Amino acid sequence: AIHAGGLRYHGMAPLISYLIQTGVMEGRAYYQNEVFEAALQFARAEGYLGAPETAHCIKATIDEALKCKETGESKAILLAFSGHGHFDLAAYDAYLSGQLEDYAYPEEEIQKALASLPEVPAT
């Protein structure tokens, strides 16, 4: 099973694109099992069960904190906690029962799909 939930939007907000392009923020991709693992770690420590979409941010936050711990760097890390998981407990159940699979769409299929997109002039 693959959980997509609210992450099925295939576009990108112009503001997010700009922030990534200018280096203000970076994008990260994670497999779904490590995301749910991080969300449960957070829930056990903080008492809040994040929505699956929020779990991606939780995973990135934990990774960034561990990186700081390893390097000794001190910095503020913002966790944008956008929702709770009470409405998507089925996704957590699928994770806990081992039904979620980590899947990466093949690069050649991505390139094939991108090649069929029309050219859109920049504004």
Protein backbone atom coordinates (compact mmCIF):
# COMPACT_ATOMS: atom_id res chain seq x y z
CA ALA A 1 0.00 0.00 0.00
CA ILE A 2 1.09 3.55 -0.68
CA HIS A 3 -0.30 6.41 1.39
CA ALA A 4 -0.59 9.75 -0.40
CA GLY A 5 -3.43 11.53 1.36
CA GLY A 6 -3.17 15.30 1.08
CA LEU A 7 0.22 15.04 -0.61
CA ARG A 8 -1.31 14.07 -3.94
CA TYR A 9 -1.11 17.63 -5.27
CA HIS A 10 1.38 17.50 -8.14
CA GLY A 11 1.96 21.22 -8.49
CA MET A 12 4.08 23.58 -6.47
CA ALA A 13 3.06 26.87 -4.92
CA PRO A 14 4.93 29.80 -6.52
CA LEU A 15 6.14 31.07 -3.13
CA ILE A 16 7.57 27.66 -2.18
CA SER A 17 9.24 27.38 -5.59
CA TYR A 18 10.79 30.82 -5.13
CA LEU A 19 12.07 30.03 -1.62
CA ILE A 20 13.69 26.83 -2.85
CA GLN A 21 15.12 28.49 -5.96
CA THR A 22 16.69 31.30 -3.89
CA GLY A 23 18.12 28.91 -1.30
CA VAL A 24 15.98 30.13 1.60
CA MET A 25 14.70 26.59 2.09
CA GLU A 26 15.35 23.16 0.66
CA GLY A 27 13.07 20.36 -0.41
CA ARG A 28 13.47 16.84 0.95
CA ALA A 29 11.94 13.53 -0.04
CA TYR A 30 11.44 10.64 2.36
CA TYR A 31 10.06 7.15 2.09
CA GLN A 32 6.73 6.76 3.84
CA ASN A 33 7.82 4.17 6.40
CA GLU A 34 10.56 6.42 7.82
CA VAL A 35 8.05 9.28 7.93
CA PHE A 36 5.54 7.28 9.99
CA GLU A 37 8.37 6.02 12.23
CA ALA A 38 9.38 9.64 12.95
CA ALA A 39 5.75 10.65 13.59
CA LEU A 40 5.34 7.89 16.17
CA GLN A 41 8.65 8.83 17.80
CA PHE A 42 7.36 12.40 18.07
CA ALA A 43 3.98 11.25 19.42
CA ARG A 44 5.63 9.14 22.11
CA ALA A 45 7.85 12.06 23.17
CA GLU A 46 5.40 14.97 22.85
CA GLY A 47 1.94 13.41 23.09
CA TYR A 48 0.70 14.71 19.73
CA LEU A 49 -0.08 12.46 16.79
CA GLY A 50 0.67 14.34 13.59
CA ALA A 51 -1.26 13.97 10.37
CA PRO A 52 0.63 11.90 7.78
CA GLU A 53 1.35 15.08 5.80
CA THR A 54 2.75 16.74 8.95
CA ALA A 55 4.83 13.63 9.59
CA HIS A 56 7.10 14.58 6.68
CA CYS A 57 7.98 17.82 8.46
CA ILE A 58 8.47 15.91 11.72
CA LYS A 59 10.96 13.60 9.97
CA ALA A 60 12.90 16.56 8.54
CA THR A 61 12.91 18.28 11.95
CA ILE A 62 14.26 15.19 13.70
CA ASP A 63 16.93 14.75 11.02
CA GLU A 64 18.00 18.38 11.34
CA ALA A 65 18.16 18.14 15.15
CA LEU A 66 20.28 14.97 14.94
CA LYS A 67 22.61 16.70 12.48
CA CYS A 68 23.06 19.58 14.95
CA LYS A 69 23.71 17.09 17.75
CA GLU A 70 26.43 15.40 15.66
CA THR A 71 28.12 18.64 14.60
CA GLY A 72 27.62 20.57 17.83
CA GLU A 73 25.85 23.34 15.92
CA SER A 74 23.26 25.32 17.85
CA LYS A 75 20.34 26.69 15.88
CA ALA A 76 16.61 27.24 16.05
CA ILE A 77 14.57 24.64 14.16
CA LEU A 78 10.96 25.45 13.31
CA LEU A 79 8.47 22.58 13.10
CA ALA A 80 5.40 23.58 11.09
CA PHE A 81 2.91 21.24 12.76
CA SER A 82 -0.15 21.57 10.54
CA GLY A 83 -2.59 18.95 11.70
CA HIS A 84 -3.31 15.90 13.79
CA GLY A 85 -3.63 12.28 12.73
CA HIS A 86 -7.01 11.52 14.24
CA PHE A 87 -8.73 11.59 10.86
CA ASP A 88 -6.21 9.29 9.20
CA LEU A 89 -5.64 6.56 11.74
CA ALA A 90 -6.04 4.02 8.92
CA ALA A 91 -2.69 5.17 7.51
CA TYR A 92 -1.03 4.64 10.90
CA ASP A 93 -2.71 1.23 11.14
CA ALA A 94 -1.34 0.32 7.70
CA TYR A 95 2.15 1.39 8.82
CA LEU A 96 1.99 -0.49 12.13
CA SER A 97 0.74 -3.66 10.41
CA GLY A 98 3.55 -3.54 7.83
CA GLN A 99 1.26 -2.87 4.86
CA LEU A 100 2.99 0.30 3.61
CA GLU A 101 5.67 -0.12 1.01
CA ASP A 102 8.46 2.31 0.24
CA TYR A 103 8.31 3.02 -3.47
CA ALA A 104 10.32 5.35 -5.65
CA TYR A 105 8.85 6.08 -9.07
CA PRO A 106 11.44 5.05 -11.70
CA GLU A 107 13.56 7.95 -12.96
CA GLU A 108 13.08 6.91 -16.60
CA GLU A 109 9.31 7.14 -16.16
CA ILE A 110 9.67 10.60 -14.61
CA GLN A 111 11.79 11.78 -17.53
CA LYS A 112 9.31 10.28 -20.00
CA ALA A 113 6.43 12.15 -18.34
CA LEU A 114 8.40 15.41 -18.21
CA ALA A 115 9.26 15.13 -21.90
CA SER A 116 5.57 15.17 -22.79
CA LEU A 117 4.88 18.46 -20.99
CA PRO A 118 4.41 21.57 -23.12
CA GLU A 119 6.90 24.43 -22.96
CA VAL A 120 5.52 27.27 -20.84
CA PRO A 121 7.20 30.67 -21.17
CA ALA A 122 8.48 32.24 -17.96
CA THR A 123 6.68 35.36 -16.86
